[in-house]
């Protein structure tokens, strides 16, 4: 009989945030595969859980992933833990899920804390629509390309960042997004939890003076309707309404679609824009 893989969410700071179900699964598992065995051992010791620990992280995920799959095929119950939070988010838990699915193995997530959701909720920004970007690429070219992809994102954006790259990331954000509002969280759920809700320019000034410490969750406000309208107005400044309509028709739009697009970009009623298209084919 095949075993089961459990992805067990662990506290992101305060150990009281673990669930009763997570504690039970850790006690019942045959083996615990941890991203960092030292971190997981602290958690296990706190709850007086004694189980065999193996290491499963980014640098050994291929070899250990196959080993975990074989253990489960032999009937073992394996619990996967990350350093903090939900396995599978910005860690190799994502890979073990794919392996389990490929091998037709049962895999369950034990829900719990998530730094990304915490950072989103306390930001004060729109929570109805958001996008999680995780860690940005370290390579400068890839990093610029990723930021350019989301430059016009209207949803709230959530990022993770390490302390030694925080200031550079804030500068890159300012260069890409302008002086947007940002929420900067560190030490979440811990005694010295800190949340800065400022503009990007203010954030840069703060961290020029204050040394970044700990892991960060960054939430950036999405592009507003006002920004989009202002950009559109400046983009078509000096262009007549008729020329604007013709530009979109020449690009393959129907006259109706072009009128609708121009009305939206210029913040005008469609009936007003229509007047400039009467003689157009």
Protein backbone atom coordinates (compact mmCIF):
# COMPACT_ATOMS: atom_id res chain seq x y z
CA UNK A 1 0.00 0.00 0.00
CA UNK A 2 1.34 3.41 -0.97
CA UNK A 3 1.83 6.12 1.60
CA UNK A 4 0.92 9.81 1.46
CA UNK A 5 2.74 13.13 1.16
CA UNK A 6 1.59 15.98 3.38
CA UNK A 7 2.74 19.57 2.80
CA UNK A 8 2.63 20.97 6.31
CA UNK A 9 2.36 24.74 6.77
CA UNK A 10 4.43 26.01 9.69
CA UNK A 11 4.47 29.34 11.59
CA UNK A 12 6.13 32.33 9.91
CA UNK A 13 7.30 33.63 13.27
CA UNK A 14 5.11 33.06 16.29
CA UNK A 15 5.03 29.33 17.08
CA UNK A 16 1.45 29.63 18.41
CA UNK A 17 0.27 30.05 14.81
CA UNK A 18 0.64 26.35 14.02
CA UNK A 19 -2.64 24.43 13.64
CA UNK A 20 -3.71 21.43 15.69
CA UNK A 21 -3.95 19.42 12.49
CA UNK A 22 -0.37 20.31 11.52
CA UNK A 23 0.88 19.10 14.92
CA UNK A 24 -1.05 15.85 14.54
CA UNK A 25 0.31 15.17 11.04
CA UNK A 26 3.89 15.86 12.15
CA UNK A 27 3.41 13.40 15.02
CA UNK A 28 1.91 10.73 12.75
CA UNK A 29 4.36 11.04 9.84
CA UNK A 30 7.04 8.38 9.39
CA UNK A 31 9.57 10.91 8.08
CA UNK A 32 9.76 14.71 7.91
CA UNK A 33 11.51 16.27 4.89
CA UNK A 34 12.56 19.80 5.84
CA UNK A 35 13.90 22.70 3.78
CA UNK A 36 16.16 23.48 6.75
CA UNK A 37 16.39 20.69 9.32
CA UNK A 38 17.68 23.09 11.96
CA UNK A 39 14.61 25.32 11.69
CA UNK A 40 12.20 22.39 11.67
CA UNK A 41 13.99 20.80 14.63
CA UNK A 42 13.31 23.92 16.72
CA UNK A 43 9.63 23.57 15.90
CA UNK A 44 9.55 19.85 16.65
CA UNK A 45 11.38 20.31 19.96
CA UNK A 46 8.94 23.04 20.99
CA UNK A 47 6.01 20.65 20.52
CA UNK A 48 7.95 17.61 21.81
CA UNK A 49 7.78 15.75 18.50
CA UNK A 50 10.51 13.24 17.74
CA UNK A 51 10.67 12.05 14.14
CA UNK A 52 13.42 11.18 11.61
CA UNK A 53 14.42 14.28 9.66
CA UNK A 54 15.82 14.45 6.14
CA UNK A 55 16.85 17.52 4.16
CA UNK A 56 14.87 18.53 1.07
CA UNK A 57 15.86 21.89 -0.40
CA UNK A 58 16.55 23.75 -3.65
CA UNK A 59 20.03 22.25 -4.13
CA UNK A 60 19.14 18.57 -3.62
CA UNK A 61 15.49 18.54 -4.74
CA UNK A 62 16.05 16.29 -7.75
CA UNK A 63 17.86 13.51 -5.89
CA UNK A 64 15.81 13.80 -2.69
CA UNK A 65 12.55 14.22 -4.55
CA UNK A 66 12.98 10.80 -6.15
CA UNK A 67 13.97 9.35 -2.79
CA UNK A 68 10.82 10.75 -1.15
CA UNK A 69 8.64 9.35 -3.94
CA UNK A 70 10.22 5.90 -3.45
CA UNK A 71 9.59 6.09 0.31
CA UNK A 72 5.94 6.86 -0.30
CA UNK A 73 5.64 3.99 -2.78
CA UNK A 74 6.94 1.73 0.00
CA UNK A 75 4.06 2.89 2.21
CA UNK A 76 5.69 5.71 4.20
CA UNK A 77 3.86 8.88 5.24
CA UNK A 78 6.14 11.86 4.51
CA UNK A 79 5.56 15.37 5.83
CA UNK A 80 7.22 18.23 3.89
CA UNK A 81 8.03 21.46 5.73
CA UNK A 82 9.50 24.75 4.59
CA UNK A 83 11.50 27.18 6.75
CA UNK A 84 8.32 29.12 7.50
CA UNK A 85 4.88 29.33 5.97
CA UNK A 86 3.27 27.20 3.29
CA UNK A 87 5.39 24.66 1.36
CA UNK A 88 5.22 25.07 -2.40
CA UNK A 89 5.38 28.88 -2.35
CA UNK A 90 8.84 30.08 -3.45
CA UNK A 91 10.43 26.78 -2.34
CA UNK A 92 10.97 23.23 -3.72
CA UNK A 93 7.63 22.03 -2.34
CA UNK A 94 6.34 23.00 -5.79
CA UNK A 95 8.55 20.31 -7.35
CA UNK A 96 7.46 17.52 -5.02
CA UNK A 97 3.81 18.26 -5.89
CA UNK A 98 4.61 17.79 -9.60
CA UNK A 99 6.52 14.57 -8.88
CA UNK A 100 3.65 13.22 -6.77
CA UNK A 101 1.12 13.96 -9.52
CA UNK A 102 3.37 12.31 -12.15
CA UNK A 103 3.60 9.20 -9.96
CA UNK A 104 -0.11 9.13 -9.08
CA UNK A 105 0.66 9.62 -5.39
CA UNK A 106 -1.80 11.23 -2.94
CA UNK A 107 -0.64 14.64 -1.74
CA UNK A 108 -2.41 16.94 0.72
CA UNK A 109 -1.77 20.45 1.94
CA UNK A 110 -2.20 21.25 5.64
CA UNK A 111 -3.14 24.95 5.49
CA UNK A 112 -1.57 27.55 7.71
CA UNK A 113 0.36 30.80 7.79
CA UNK A 114 1.39 32.63 4.62
CA UNK A 115 3.64 35.68 4.71
CA UNK A 116 2.35 36.84 1.32
CA UNK A 117 -1.28 36.92 2.46
CA UNK A 118 -0.31 38.57 5.74
CA UNK A 119 1.62 41.28 3.87
CA UNK A 120 -1.27 41.84 1.47
CA UNK A 121 -3.96 42.17 4.14
CA UNK A 122 -2.05 44.62 6.37
CA UNK A 123 -0.92 46.77 3.41
CA UNK A 124 -4.22 48.63 3.22
CA UNK A 125 -4.27 48.16 -0.56
CA UNK A 126 -6.93 46.42 -2.66
CA UNK A 127 -7.22 42.77 -1.59
CA UNK A 128 -9.98 41.79 -4.03
CA UNK A 129 -7.45 41.34 -6.85
CA UNK A 130 -3.75 40.74 -6.34
CA UNK A 131 -0.75 39.00 -7.90
CA UNK A 132 2.10 37.18 -6.15
CA UNK A 133 5.52 37.73 -7.78
CA UNK A 134 7.72 36.12 -5.13
CA UNK A 135 11.45 36.84 -5.46
CA UNK A 136 12.61 38.84 -8.47
CA UNK A 137 15.38 37.33 -10.66
CA UNK A 138 18.90 38.20 -9.53
CA UNK A 139 20.18 38.67 -13.09
CA UNK A 140 19.81 42.38 -13.94
CA UNK A 141 18.50 41.79 -17.46
CA UNK A 142 15.92 39.23 -16.35
CA UNK A 143 14.97 41.46 -13.43
CA UNK A 144 14.32 44.47 -15.69
CA UNK A 145 12.33 42.31 -18.09
CA UNK A 146 10.13 40.95 -15.27
CA UNK A 147 9.44 44.42 -13.90
CA UNK A 148 8.65 45.76 -17.36
CA UNK A 149 6.10 42.94 -17.80
CA UNK A 150 4.17 44.14 -14.76
CA UNK A 151 4.70 47.89 -15.13
CA UNK A 152 1.02 48.43 -15.95
CA UNK A 153 -0.34 45.84 -13.47
CA UNK A 154 -3.53 47.15 -11.87
CA UNK A 155 -3.74 44.52 -9.13
CA UNK A 156 -1.86 44.80 -5.83
CA UNK A 157 1.56 43.15 -6.25
CA UNK A 158 3.27 41.05 -3.57
CA UNK A 159 7.03 40.37 -3.52
CA UNK A 160 9.52 38.68 -1.21
CA UNK A 161 13.00 40.12 -0.74
CA UNK A 162 16.18 39.43 1.20
CA UNK A 163 17.70 42.24 3.31
CA UNK A 164 20.90 42.65 1.25
CA UNK A 165 18.88 43.27 -1.94
CA UNK A 166 16.11 45.42 -0.46
CA UNK A 167 17.49 48.87 -1.33
CA UNK A 168 18.27 47.89 -4.93
CA UNK A 169 14.79 46.42 -5.32
CA UNK A 170 13.16 49.59 -3.98
CA UNK A 171 15.20 51.65 -6.47
CA UNK A 172 14.18 49.31 -9.31
CA UNK A 173 10.54 49.61 -8.26
CA UNK A 174 10.76 53.42 -8.31
CA UNK A 175 12.38 53.40 -11.75
CA UNK A 176 9.64 51.11 -13.11
CA UNK A 177 6.48 52.18 -11.27
CA UNK A 178 7.20 55.77 -10.32
CA UNK A 179 6.48 56.99 -6.80
CA UNK A 180 3.80 54.40 -5.95
CA UNK A 181 2.74 53.55 -2.41
CA UNK A 182 4.37 50.50 -0.85
CA UNK A 183 3.90 48.48 2.33
CA UNK A 184 7.12 46.95 3.70
CA UNK A 185 6.78 44.18 6.29
CA UNK A 186 9.42 42.36 8.31
CA UNK A 187 9.50 40.05 11.34
CA UNK A 188 5.84 39.19 10.76
CA UNK A 189 4.02 37.72 13.80
CA UNK A 190 7.17 38.16 15.92
CA UNK A 191 7.71 40.45 18.88
CA UNK A 192 9.35 43.20 16.82
CA UNK A 193 7.04 43.05 13.81
CA UNK A 194 7.50 46.14 11.66
CA UNK A 195 5.33 47.58 8.88
CA UNK A 196 6.20 50.71 6.88
CA UNK A 197 3.43 52.18 4.69
CA UNK A 198 5.11 54.88 2.62
CA UNK A 199 5.86 56.07 -0.91
CA UNK A 200 8.71 54.40 -2.79
CA UNK A 201 10.85 57.54 -2.55
CA UNK A 202 10.33 57.69 1.21
CA UNK A 203 11.13 53.98 1.48
CA UNK A 204 14.44 54.48 -0.35
CA UNK A 205 15.38 57.30 2.02
CA UNK A 206 14.43 55.23 5.08
CA UNK A 207 16.61 52.28 4.08
CA UNK A 208 19.56 54.45 3.11
CA UNK A 209 19.69 55.35 6.79
CA UNK A 210 18.45 52.11 8.34
CA UNK A 211 20.19 48.79 7.70
CA UNK A 212 17.70 46.21 6.36
CA UNK A 213 17.42 43.09 8.54
CA UNK A 214 15.33 39.95 8.21
CA UNK A 215 13.18 38.76 5.32
CA UNK A 216 10.78 41.24 3.74
CA UNK A 217 7.28 41.09 2.26
CA UNK A 218 6.63 44.01 -0.08
CA UNK A 219 3.16 45.01 -1.28
CA UNK A 220 2.89 47.62 -4.02
CA UNK A 221 -0.30 49.37 -5.00
CA UNK A 222 -1.46 48.57 -8.52
CA UNK A 223 -1.64 51.18 -11.25
CA UNK A 224 -4.63 53.45 -10.70
CA UNK A 225 -7.26 54.53 -13.23
CA UNK A 226 -5.99 58.08 -12.80
CA UNK A 227 -2.43 57.07 -13.77
CA UNK A 228 -3.69 55.23 -16.84
CA UNK A 229 -5.80 58.19 -17.97
CA UNK A 230 -2.95 60.65 -17.43
CA UNK A 231 -0.53 58.49 -19.39
CA UNK A 232 -3.03 58.11 -22.22
CA UNK A 233 -3.60 61.86 -22.36
CA UNK A 234 0.12 62.60 -22.55
CA UNK A 235 0.66 59.83 -25.11
CA UNK A 236 -1.90 61.32 -27.50
CA UNK A 237 -1.22 64.97 -26.74
CA UNK A 238 -1.16 66.95 -29.98
CA UNK A 239 -3.13 64.24 -31.83
CA UNK A 240 -6.62 65.13 -32.95
CA UNK A 241 -9.55 62.89 -32.03
CA UNK A 242 -10.06 61.99 -35.68
CA UNK A 243 -6.39 61.06 -36.06
CA UNK A 244 -6.65 58.99 -32.90
CA UNK A 245 -9.63 57.03 -34.28
CA UNK A 246 -7.91 56.57 -37.64
CA UNK A 247 -4.78 55.19 -35.93
CA UNK A 248 -6.75 52.31 -34.42
CA UNK A 249 -8.73 51.63 -37.59
CA UNK A 250 -5.43 51.40 -39.49
CA UNK A 251 -4.28 48.88 -36.87
CA UNK A 252 -7.23 46.63 -37.78
CA UNK A 253 -9.93 47.71 -35.34
CA UNK A 254 -13.50 48.26 -36.49
CA UNK A 255 -14.72 51.84 -36.34
CA UNK A 256 -16.96 50.93 -33.39
CA UNK A 257 -14.01 49.39 -31.47
CA UNK A 258 -11.80 52.39 -32.28
CA UNK A 259 -14.40 54.86 -31.02
CA UNK A 260 -14.84 52.91 -27.80
CA UNK A 261 -11.06 52.76 -27.24
CA UNK A 262 -10.53 56.48 -27.94
CA UNK A 263 -13.44 57.45 -25.68
CA UNK A 264 -11.94 55.43 -22.84
CA UNK A 265 -8.41 56.76 -23.33
CA UNK A 266 -9.55 60.37 -23.54
CA UNK A 267 -12.22 60.02 -20.85
CA UNK A 268 -14.89 61.31 -23.23
CA UNK A 269 -18.45 60.13 -23.99
CA UNK A 270 -18.60 57.80 -27.02
CA UNK A 271 -21.20 60.09 -28.57
CA UNK A 272 -18.67 62.94 -28.51
CA UNK A 273 -15.95 60.82 -30.14
CA UNK A 274 -18.39 59.44 -32.74
CA UNK A 275 -18.81 62.92 -34.29
CA UNK A 276 -15.21 62.78 -35.51
CA UNK A 277 -15.73 59.44 -37.28
CA UNK A 278 -18.84 60.12 -39.38
CA UNK A 279 -16.96 60.49 -42.67
CA UNK A 280 -14.57 57.58 -41.99
CA UNK A 281 -14.83 54.27 -43.82
